[in-house]
Amino acid sequence: MVVNRGFNTMQKKHIFEVFFREKPAMMLVELKNAHNSVYASVLAKQIDCTYSHVVKILQEMQKAELVEFRKEGRLKLLELTNKGEQIASNIESIRSIL
């Protein structure tokens, strides 16, 4: 008897979340794939998260030199640093392998 040891979609999602916290990882990926400048409020909607939680995560990412805030008038735009871009690319690669 042959047993299929492949993961189904739910198992793949779970194993990904074992290695990465979903929201912070998806924030980096969303920023990487953004075609325009992104605001924290837009990012919160894209990843289905509260604004305050997104800001808290972004502050940690800024300390780790993964994102930068750029002021435009009263607005703060988000940009990935080179380091953040590399990590986002690797997250996408790992996710596609899983």
PDB file of N, CA and C in Angstrom:
ATOM      1  N   MET A   1       0.830  -1.171   0.000  1.00  0.00           N
ATOM      2  CA  MET A   1       0.000   0.000   0.000  1.00  0.00           C
ATOM      3  C   MET A   1       0.883   1.245   0.000  1.00  0.00           C
ATOM      4  N   VAL A   2       0.595   2.178  -0.910  1.00  0.00           N
ATOM      5  CA  VAL A   2       1.363   3.405  -1.040  1.00  0.00           C
ATOM      6  C   VAL A   2       0.653   4.505  -0.258  1.00  0.00           C
ATOM      7  N   VAL A   3       1.417   5.189   0.592  1.00  0.00           N
ATOM      8  CA  VAL A   3       0.857   6.275   1.395  1.00  0.00           C
ATOM      9  C   VAL A   3       1.358   7.588   0.816  1.00  0.00           C
ATOM     10  N   ASN A   4       0.433   8.480   0.525  1.00  0.00           N
ATOM     11  CA  ASN A   4       0.794   9.792   0.012  1.00  0.00           C
ATOM     12  C   ASN A   4       1.273  10.657   1.173  1.00  0.00           C
ATOM     13  N   ARG A   5       2.525  11.011   1.150  1.00  0.00           N
ATOM     14  CA  ARG A   5       3.091  11.813   2.230  1.00  0.00           C
ATOM     15  C   ARG A   5       3.110  13.308   1.883  1.00  0.00           C
ATOM     16  N   GLY A   6       2.510  13.689   0.765  1.00  0.00           N
ATOM     17  CA  GLY A   6       2.482  15.098   0.370  1.00  0.00           C
ATOM     18  C   GLY A   6       1.603  15.909   1.292  1.00  0.00           C
ATOM     19  N   PHE A   7       1.917  17.184   1.400  1.00  0.00           N
ATOM     20  CA  PHE A   7       1.128  18.093   2.230  1.00  0.00           C
ATOM     21  C   PHE A   7      -0.021  18.650   1.421  1.00  0.00           C
ATOM     22  N   ASN A   8      -1.188  18.777   2.053  1.00  0.00           N
ATOM     23  CA  ASN A   8      -2.270  19.498   1.400  1.00  0.00           C
ATOM     24  C   ASN A   8      -2.086  20.987   1.682  1.00  0.00           C
ATOM     25  N   THR A   9      -2.952  21.799   1.126  1.00  0.00           N
ATOM     26  CA  THR A   9      -2.809  23.251   1.246  1.00  0.00           C
ATOM     27  C   THR A   9      -2.815  23.728   2.691  1.00  0.00           C
ATOM     28  N   MET A  10      -3.701  23.181   3.506  1.00  0.00           N
ATOM     29  CA  MET A  10      -3.766  23.605   4.915  1.00  0.00           C
ATOM     30  C   MET A  10      -2.485  23.231   5.666  1.00  0.00           C
ATOM     31  N   GLN A  11      -1.949  22.067   5.380  1.00  0.00           N
ATOM     32  CA  GLN A  11      -0.716  21.652   6.051  1.00  0.00           C
ATOM     33  C   GLN A  11       0.452  22.539   5.619  1.00  0.00           C
ATOM     34  N   LYS A  12       0.470  22.926   4.334  1.00  0.00           N
ATOM     35  CA  LYS A  12       1.532  23.811   3.851  1.00  0.00           C
ATOM     36  C   LYS A  12       1.465  25.170   4.555  1.00  0.00           C
ATOM     37  N   LYS A  13       0.251  25.683   4.693  1.00  0.00           N
ATOM     38  CA  LYS A  13       0.071  26.968   5.375  1.00  0.00           C
ATOM     39  C   LYS A  13       0.547  26.857   6.825  1.00  0.00           C
ATOM     40  N   HIS A  14       0.202  25.767   7.484  1.00  0.00           N
ATOM     41  CA  HIS A  14       0.592  25.581   8.876  1.00  0.00           C
ATOM     42  C   HIS A  14       2.113  25.488   9.013  1.00  0.00           C
ATOM     43  N   ILE A  15       2.766  24.715   8.163  1.00  0.00           N
ATOM     44  CA  ILE A  15       4.217  24.553   8.281  1.00  0.00           C
ATOM     45  C   ILE A  15       4.926  25.877   8.006  1.00  0.00           C
ATOM     46  N   PHE A  16       4.384  26.688   7.084  1.00  0.00           N
ATOM     47  CA  PHE A  16       4.952  28.000   6.826  1.00  0.00           C
ATOM     48  C   PHE A  16       4.878  28.852   8.084  1.00  0.00           C
ATOM     49  N   GLU A  17       3.735  28.807   8.769  1.00  0.00           N
ATOM     50  CA  GLU A  17       3.539  29.594   9.978  1.00  0.00           C
ATOM     51  C   GLU A  17       4.388  29.081  11.142  1.00  0.00           C
ATOM     52  N   VAL A  18       4.822  27.829  11.072  1.00  0.00           N
ATOM     53  CA  VAL A  18       5.740  27.301  12.082  1.00  0.00           C
ATOM     54  C   VAL A  18       7.065  28.057  11.996  1.00  0.00           C
ATOM     55  N   PHE A  19       7.512  28.322  10.783  1.00  0.00           N
ATOM     56  CA  PHE A  19       8.794  28.988  10.583  1.00  0.00           C
ATOM     57  C   PHE A  19       8.703  30.509  10.639  1.00  0.00           C
ATOM     58  N   PHE A  20       7.580  31.036  10.224  1.00  0.00           N
ATOM     59  CA  PHE A  20       7.412  32.482  10.139  1.00  0.00           C
ATOM     60  C   PHE A  20       6.082  32.893  10.748  1.00  0.00           C
ATOM     61  N   ARG A  21       6.088  33.966  11.498  1.00  0.00           N
ATOM     62  CA  ARG A  21       4.809  34.538  11.919  1.00  0.00           C
ATOM     63  C   ARG A  21       4.173  35.128  10.674  1.00  0.00           C
ATOM     64  N   GLU A  22       2.953  34.777  10.451  1.00  0.00           N
ATOM     65  CA  GLU A  22       2.288  35.099   9.184  1.00  0.00           C
ATOM     66  C   GLU A  22       2.246  36.596   8.884  1.00  0.00           C
ATOM     67  N   LYS A  23       1.760  37.408   9.789  1.00  0.00           N
ATOM     68  CA  LYS A  23       1.549  38.829   9.499  1.00  0.00           C
ATOM     69  C   LYS A  23       2.851  39.574   9.178  1.00  0.00           C
ATOM     70  N   PRO A  24       3.890  39.459  10.004  1.00  0.00           N
ATOM     71  CA  PRO A  24       5.134  40.158   9.657  1.00  0.00           C
ATOM     72  C   PRO A  24       5.738  39.687   8.334  1.00  0.00           C
ATOM     73  N   ALA A  25       5.695  38.383   8.092  1.00  0.00           N
ATOM     74  CA  ALA A  25       6.248  37.865   6.839  1.00  0.00           C
ATOM     75  C   ALA A  25       5.461  38.407   5.649  1.00  0.00           C
ATOM     76  N   MET A  26       4.147  38.418   5.759  1.00  0.00           N
ATOM     77  CA  MET A  26       3.317  38.889   4.663  1.00  0.00           C
ATOM     78  C   MET A  26       3.450  40.400   4.470  1.00  0.00           C
ATOM     79  N   MET A  27       3.738  41.124   5.535  1.00  0.00           N
ATOM     80  CA  MET A  27       3.974  42.562   5.410  1.00  0.00           C
ATOM     81  C   MET A  27       5.183  42.815   4.517  1.00  0.00           C
ATOM     82  N   LEU A  28       6.266  42.080   4.757  1.00  0.00           N
ATOM     83  CA  LEU A  28       7.466  42.245   3.936  1.00  0.00           C
ATOM     84  C   LEU A  28       7.184  41.893   2.482  1.00  0.00           C
ATOM     85  N   VAL A  29       6.468  40.801   2.259  1.00  0.00           N
ATOM     86  CA  VAL A  29       6.153  40.375   0.892  1.00  0.00           C
ATOM     87  C   VAL A  29       5.259  41.413   0.201  1.00  0.00           C
ATOM     88  N   GLU A  30       4.252  41.919   0.900  1.00  0.00           N
ATOM     89  CA  GLU A  30       3.372  42.941   0.318  1.00  0.00           C
ATOM     90  C   GLU A  30       4.162  44.205  -0.036  1.00  0.00           C
ATOM     91  N   LEU A  31       5.060  44.615   0.838  1.00  0.00           N
ATOM     92  CA  LEU A  31       5.878  45.795   0.546  1.00  0.00           C
ATOM     93  C   LEU A  31       6.771  45.552  -0.665  1.00  0.00           C
ATOM     94  N   LYS A  32       7.312  44.357  -0.755  1.00  0.00           N
ATOM     95  CA  LYS A  32       8.181  44.019  -1.884  1.00  0.00           C
ATOM     96  C   LYS A  32       7.415  44.061  -3.199  1.00  0.00           C
ATOM     97  N   ASN A  33       6.194  43.587  -3.186  1.00  0.00           N
ATOM     98  CA  ASN A  33       5.407  43.480  -4.412  1.00  0.00           C
ATOM     99  C   ASN A  33       4.580  44.728  -4.730  1.00  0.00           C
ATOM    100  N   ALA A  34       4.645  45.733  -3.866  1.00  0.00           N
ATOM    101  CA  ALA A  34       3.876  46.966  -4.089  1.00  0.00           C
ATOM    102  C   ALA A  34       4.437  47.708  -5.301  1.00  0.00           C
ATOM    103  N   HIS A  35       3.533  48.198  -6.131  1.00  0.00           N
ATOM    104  CA  HIS A  35       3.955  48.947  -7.320  1.00  0.00           C
ATOM    105  C   HIS A  35       4.052  50.438  -7.031  1.00  0.00           C
ATOM    106  N   ASN A  36       3.416  50.870  -5.966  1.00  0.00           N
ATOM    107  CA  ASN A  36       3.435  52.274  -5.561  1.00  0.00           C
ATOM    108  C   ASN A  36       3.882  52.361  -4.110  1.00  0.00           C
ATOM    109  N   SER A  37       4.020  53.581  -3.641  1.00  0.00           N
ATOM    110  CA  SER A  37       4.335  53.790  -2.228  1.00  0.00           C
ATOM    111  C   SER A  37       3.186  53.263  -1.380  1.00  0.00           C
ATOM    112  N   VAL A  38       3.514  52.752  -0.214  1.00  0.00           N
ATOM    113  CA  VAL A  38       2.511  52.129   0.659  1.00  0.00           C
ATOM    114  C   VAL A  38       2.478  52.864   1.991  1.00  0.00           C
ATOM    115  N   TYR A  39       1.269  53.039   2.504  1.00  0.00           N
ATOM    116  CA  TYR A  39       1.054  53.606   3.826  1.00  0.00           C
ATOM    117  C   TYR A  39       0.734  52.463   4.780  1.00  0.00           C
ATOM    118  N   ALA A  40       0.979  52.669   6.053  1.00  0.00           N
ATOM    119  CA  ALA A  40       0.701  51.632   7.053  1.00  0.00           C
ATOM    120  C   ALA A  40      -0.770  51.230   7.044  1.00  0.00           C
ATOM    121  N   SER A  41      -1.667  52.201   6.856  1.00  0.00           N
ATOM    122  CA  SER A  41      -3.098  51.882   6.864  1.00  0.00           C
ATOM    123  C   SER A  41      -3.478  50.984   5.686  1.00  0.00           C
ATOM    124  N   VAL A  42      -2.885  51.218   4.534  1.00  0.00           N
ATOM    125  CA  VAL A  42      -3.144  50.375   3.356  1.00  0.00           C
ATOM    126  C   VAL A  42      -2.585  48.979   3.586  1.00  0.00           C
ATOM    127  N   LEU A  43      -1.398  48.923   4.142  1.00  0.00           N
ATOM    128  CA  LEU A  43      -0.773  47.632   4.428  1.00  0.00           C
ATOM    129  C   LEU A  43      -1.619  46.828   5.409  1.00  0.00           C
ATOM    130  N   ALA A  44      -2.176  47.489   6.407  1.00  0.00           N
ATOM    131  CA  ALA A  44      -3.036  46.816   7.386  1.00  0.00           C
ATOM    132  C   ALA A  44      -4.227  46.155   6.699  1.00  0.00           C
ATOM    133  N   LYS A  45      -4.825  46.846   5.761  1.00  0.00           N
ATOM    134  CA  LYS A  45      -5.963  46.285   5.024  1.00  0.00           C
ATOM    135  C   LYS A  45      -5.528  45.111   4.153  1.00  0.00           C
ATOM    136  N   GLN A  46      -4.380  45.234   3.512  1.00  0.00           N
ATOM    137  CA  GLN A  46      -3.903  44.191   2.611  1.00  0.00           C
ATOM    138  C   GLN A  46      -3.654  42.874   3.326  1.00  0.00           C
ATOM    139  N   ILE A  47      -3.183  42.948   4.570  1.00  0.00           N
ATOM    140  CA  ILE A  47      -2.868  41.707   5.292  1.00  0.00           C
ATOM    141  C   ILE A  47      -3.912  41.371   6.351  1.00  0.00           C
ATOM    142  N   ASP A  48      -5.014  42.125   6.354  1.00  0.00           N
ATOM    143  CA  ASP A  48      -6.115  41.886   7.287  1.00  0.00           C
ATOM    144  C   ASP A  48      -5.643  41.923   8.740  1.00  0.00           C
ATOM    145  N   CYS A  49      -5.144  43.088   9.116  1.00  0.00           N
ATOM    146  CA  CYS A  49      -4.570  43.278  10.443  1.00  0.00           C
ATOM    147  C   CYS A  49      -4.944  44.681  10.926  1.00  0.00           C
ATOM    148  N   THR A  50      -4.928  44.886  12.227  1.00  0.00           N
ATOM    149  CA  THR A  50      -5.244  46.216  12.737  1.00  0.00           C
ATOM    150  C   THR A  50      -4.083  47.174  12.457  1.00  0.00           C
ATOM    151  N   TYR A  51      -4.428  48.434  12.314  1.00  0.00           N
ATOM    152  CA  TYR A  51      -3.429  49.466  12.060  1.00  0.00           C
ATOM    153  C   TYR A  51      -2.390  49.511  13.183  1.00  0.00           C
ATOM    154  N   SER A  52      -2.857  49.460  14.431  1.00  0.00           N
ATOM    155  CA  SER A  52      -1.926  49.560  15.567  1.00  0.00           C
ATOM    156  C   SER A  52      -0.951  48.378  15.591  1.00  0.00           C
ATOM    157  N   HIS A  53      -1.428  47.188  15.235  1.00  0.00           N
ATOM    158  CA  HIS A  53      -0.542  46.020  15.201  1.00  0.00           C
ATOM    159  C   HIS A  53       0.499  46.175  14.090  1.00  0.00           C
ATOM    160  N   VAL A  54       0.064  46.669  12.935  1.00  0.00           N
ATOM    161  CA  VAL A  54       0.982  46.889  11.812  1.00  0.00           C
ATOM    162  C   VAL A  54       2.059  47.902  12.194  1.00  0.00           C
ATOM    163  N   VAL A  55       1.665  48.992  12.836  1.00  0.00           N
ATOM    164  CA  VAL A  55       2.634  50.021  13.232  1.00  0.00           C
ATOM    165  C   VAL A  55       3.648  49.445  14.217  1.00  0.00           C
ATOM    166  N   LYS A  56       3.181  48.646  15.162  1.00  0.00           N
ATOM    167  CA  LYS A  56       4.081  48.025  16.143  1.00  0.00           C
ATOM    168  C   LYS A  56       5.099  47.116  15.446  1.00  0.00           C
ATOM    169  N   ILE A  57       4.637  46.305  14.510  1.00  0.00           N
ATOM    170  CA  ILE A  57       5.540  45.419  13.765  1.00  0.00           C
ATOM    171  C   ILE A  57       6.511  46.239  12.917  1.00  0.00           C
ATOM    172  N   LEU A  58       6.003  47.283  12.268  1.00  0.00           N
ATOM    173  CA  LEU A  58       6.862  48.131  11.431  1.00  0.00           C
ATOM    174  C   LEU A  58       7.959  48.808  12.241  1.00  0.00           C
ATOM    175  N   GLN A  59       7.650  49.209  13.460  1.00  0.00           N
ATOM    176  CA  GLN A  59       8.666  49.818  14.314  1.00  0.00           C
ATOM    177  C   GLN A  59       9.782  48.823  14.619  1.00  0.00           C
ATOM    178  N   GLU A  60       9.407  47.568  14.868  1.00  0.00           N
ATOM    179  CA  GLU A  60      10.408  46.528  15.099  1.00  0.00           C
ATOM    180  C   GLU A  60      11.231  46.279  13.833  1.00  0.00           C
ATOM    181  N   MET A  61      10.559  46.286  12.696  1.00  0.00           N
ATOM    182  CA  MET A  61      11.257  46.085  11.419  1.00  0.00           C
ATOM    183  C   MET A  61      12.200  47.247  11.117  1.00  0.00           C
ATOM    184  N   GLN A  62      11.805  48.438  11.522  1.00  0.00           N
ATOM    185  CA  GLN A  62      12.674  49.597  11.323  1.00  0.00           C
ATOM    186  C   GLN A  62      13.931  49.467  12.180  1.00  0.00           C
ATOM    187  N   LYS A  63      13.773  49.019  13.416  1.00  0.00           N
ATOM    188  CA  LYS A  63      14.931  48.804  14.302  1.00  0.00           C
ATOM    189  C   LYS A  63      15.875  47.761  13.717  1.00  0.00           C
ATOM    190  N   ALA A  64      15.302  46.759  13.035  1.00  0.00           N
ATOM    191  CA  ALA A  64      16.104  45.693  12.426  1.00  0.00           C
ATOM    192  C   ALA A  64      16.602  46.086  11.035  1.00  0.00           C
ATOM    193  N   GLU A  65      16.344  47.342  10.645  1.00  0.00           N
ATOM    194  CA  GLU A  65      16.776  47.892   9.360  1.00  0.00           C
ATOM    195  C   GLU A  65      16.205  47.130   8.169  1.00  0.00           C
ATOM    196  N   LEU A  66      14.918  46.736   8.291  1.00  0.00           N
ATOM    197  CA  LEU A  66      14.227  46.059   7.196  1.00  0.00           C
ATOM    198  C   LEU A  66      13.337  47.015   6.414  1.00  0.00           C
ATOM    199  N   VAL A  67      12.814  48.033   7.096  1.00  0.00           N
ATOM    200  CA  VAL A  67      11.965  49.040   6.443  1.00  0.00           C
ATOM    201  C   VAL A  67      12.420  50.428   6.846  1.00  0.00           C
ATOM    202  N   GLU A  68      12.059  51.385   5.995  1.00  0.00           N
ATOM    203  CA  GLU A  68      12.316  52.792   6.287  1.00  0.00           C
ATOM    204  C   GLU A  68      11.012  53.552   6.117  1.00  0.00           C
ATOM    205  N   PHE A  69      10.850  54.581   6.909  1.00  0.00           N
ATOM    206  CA  PHE A  69       9.713  55.482   6.771  1.00  0.00           C
ATOM    207  C   PHE A  69      10.208  56.721   6.034  1.00  0.00           C
ATOM    208  N   ARG A  70       9.439  57.160   5.061  1.00  0.00           N
ATOM    209  CA  ARG A  70       9.774  58.372   4.316  1.00  0.00           C
ATOM    210  C   ARG A  70       8.597  59.316   4.441  1.00  0.00           C
ATOM    211  N   LYS A  71       8.856  60.493   4.985  1.00  0.00           N
ATOM    212  CA  LYS A  71       7.773  61.468   5.178  1.00  0.00           C
ATOM    213  C   LYS A  71       7.507  62.227   3.887  1.00  0.00           C
ATOM    214  N   GLU A  72       6.219  62.321   3.566  1.00  0.00           N
ATOM    215  CA  GLU A  72       5.768  63.145   2.451  1.00  0.00           C
ATOM    216  C   GLU A  72       4.642  63.998   2.975  1.00  0.00           C
ATOM    217  N   GLY A  73       4.959  65.204   3.347  1.00  0.00           N
ATOM    218  CA  GLY A  73       3.966  66.055   3.997  1.00  0.00           C
ATOM    219  C   GLY A  73       3.619  65.464   5.354  1.00  0.00           C
ATOM    220  N   ARG A  74       2.321  65.209   5.569  1.00  0.00           N
ATOM    221  CA  ARG A  74       1.894  64.618   6.838  1.00  0.00           C
ATOM    222  C   ARG A  74       1.905  63.096   6.791  1.00  0.00           C
ATOM    223  N   LEU A  75       2.153  62.543   5.625  1.00  0.00           N
ATOM    224  CA  LEU A  75       2.072  61.087   5.452  1.00  0.00           C
ATOM    225  C   LEU A  75       3.433  60.423   5.591  1.00  0.00           C
ATOM    226  N   LYS A  76       3.405  59.208   6.108  1.00  0.00           N
ATOM    227  CA  LYS A  76       4.618  58.393   6.203  1.00  0.00           C
ATOM    228  C   LYS A  76       4.486  57.243   5.212  1.00  0.00           C
ATOM    229  N   LEU A  77       5.383  57.206   4.261  1.00  0.00           N
ATOM    230  CA  LEU A  77       5.407  56.122   3.283  1.00  0.00           C
ATOM    231  C   LEU A  77       6.403  55.071   3.734  1.00  0.00           C
ATOM    232  N   LEU A  78       6.129  53.833   3.355  1.00  0.00           N
ATOM    233  CA  LEU A  78       6.993  52.721   3.746  1.00  0.00           C
ATOM    234  C   LEU A  78       7.822  52.256   2.567  1.00  0.00           C
ATOM    235  N   GLU A  79       9.067  51.933   2.838  1.00  0.00           N
ATOM    236  CA  GLU A  79       9.948  51.374   1.822  1.00  0.00           C
ATOM    237  C   GLU A  79      10.797  50.282   2.460  1.00  0.00           C
ATOM    238  N   LEU A  80      11.032  49.232   1.688  1.00  0.00           N
ATOM    239  CA  LEU A  80      11.941  48.190   2.158  1.00  0.00           C
ATOM    240  C   LEU A  80      13.378  48.649   1.959  1.00  0.00           C
ATOM    241  N   THR A  81      14.231  48.277   2.871  1.00  0.00           N
ATOM    242  CA  THR A  81      15.667  48.482   2.686  1.00  0.00           C
ATOM    243  C   THR A  81      16.160  47.333   1.809  1.00  0.00           C
ATOM    244  N   ASN A  82      17.421  47.376   1.421  1.00  0.00           N
ATOM    245  CA  ASN A  82      17.989  46.253   0.652  1.00  0.00           C
ATOM    246  C   ASN A  82      17.888  44.958   1.451  1.00  0.00           C
ATOM    247  N   LYS A  83      18.178  45.042   2.736  1.00  0.00           N
ATOM    248  CA  LYS A  83      18.089  43.874   3.615  1.00  0.00           C
ATOM    249  C   LYS A  83      16.648  43.355   3.664  1.00  0.00           C
ATOM    250  N   GLY A  84      15.686  44.245   3.796  1.00  0.00           N
ATOM    251  CA  GLY A  84      14.277  43.873   3.822  1.00  0.00           C
ATOM    252  C   GLY A  84      13.839  43.226   2.518  1.00  0.00           C
ATOM    253  N   GLU A  85      14.327  43.762   1.407  1.00  0.00           N
ATOM    254  CA  GLU A  85      14.022  43.222   0.077  1.00  0.00           C
ATOM    255  C   GLU A  85      14.546  41.787  -0.053  1.00  0.00           C
ATOM    256  N   GLN A  86      15.769  41.556   0.419  1.00  0.00           N
ATOM    257  CA  GLN A  86      16.350  40.207   0.358  1.00  0.00           C
ATOM    258  C   GLN A  86      15.541  39.225   1.197  1.00  0.00           C
ATOM    259  N   ILE A  87      15.168  39.627   2.380  1.00  0.00           N
ATOM    260  CA  ILE A  87      14.399  38.747   3.263  1.00  0.00           C
ATOM    261  C   ILE A  87      13.033  38.456   2.661  1.00  0.00           C
ATOM    262  N   ALA A  88      12.373  39.462   2.107  1.00  0.00           N
ATOM    263  CA  ALA A  88      11.068  39.268   1.475  1.00  0.00           C
ATOM    264  C   ALA A  88      11.173  38.288   0.308  1.00  0.00           C
ATOM    265  N   SER A  89      12.219  38.419  -0.487  1.00  0.00           N
ATOM    266  CA  SER A  89      12.425  37.497  -1.614  1.00  0.00           C
ATOM    267  C   SER A  89      12.621  36.072  -1.120  1.00  0.00           C
ATOM    268  N   ASN A  90      13.382  35.926  -0.045  1.00  0.00           N
ATOM    269  CA  ASN A  90      13.606  34.583   0.512  1.00  0.00           C
ATOM    270  C   ASN A  90      12.325  33.996   1.105  1.00  0.00           C
ATOM    271  N   ILE A  91      11.516  34.827   1.723  1.00  0.00           N
ATOM    272  CA  ILE A  91      10.236  34.355   2.263  1.00  0.00           C
ATOM    273  C   ILE A  91       9.362  33.839   1.124  1.00  0.00           C
ATOM    274  N   GLU A  92       9.315  34.598   0.033  1.00  0.00           N
ATOM    275  CA  GLU A  92       8.526  34.151  -1.133  1.00  0.00           C
ATOM    276  C   GLU A  92       9.042  32.829  -1.677  1.00  0.00           C
ATOM    277  N   SER A  93      10.361  32.685  -1.740  1.00  0.00           N
ATOM    278  CA  SER A  93      10.954  31.443  -2.248  1.00  0.00           C
ATOM    279  C   SER A  93      10.594  30.259  -1.352  1.00  0.00           C
ATOM    280  N   ILE A  94      10.730  30.448  -0.069  1.00  0.00           N
ATOM    281  CA  ILE A  94      10.406  29.368   0.881  1.00  0.00           C
ATOM    282  C   ILE A  94       8.934  29.014   0.793  1.00  0.00           C
ATOM    283  N   ARG A  95       8.091  30.030   0.715  1.00  0.00           N
ATOM    284  CA  ARG A  95       6.658  29.775   0.626  1.00  0.00           C
ATOM    285  C   ARG A  95       6.290  28.983  -0.618  1.00  0.00           C
ATOM    286  N   SER A  96       6.961  29.278  -1.733  1.00  0.00           N
ATOM    287  CA  SER A  96       6.659  28.561  -2.964  1.00  0.00           C
ATOM    288  C   SER A  96       7.155  27.116  -2.915  1.00  0.00           C
ATOM    289  N   ILE A  97       8.240  26.866  -2.180  1.00  0.00           N
ATOM    290  CA  ILE A  97       8.753  25.503  -2.036  1.00  0.00           C
ATOM    291  C   ILE A  97       7.820  24.670  -1.173  1.00  0.00           C
ATOM    292  N   LEU A  98       7.293  25.280  -0.106  1.00  0.00           N
ATOM    293  CA  LEU A  98       6.394  24.561   0.795  1.00  0.00           C
ATOM    294  C   LEU A  98       5.088  24.276   0.109  1.00  0.00           C
TER     295      LEU A  98
END
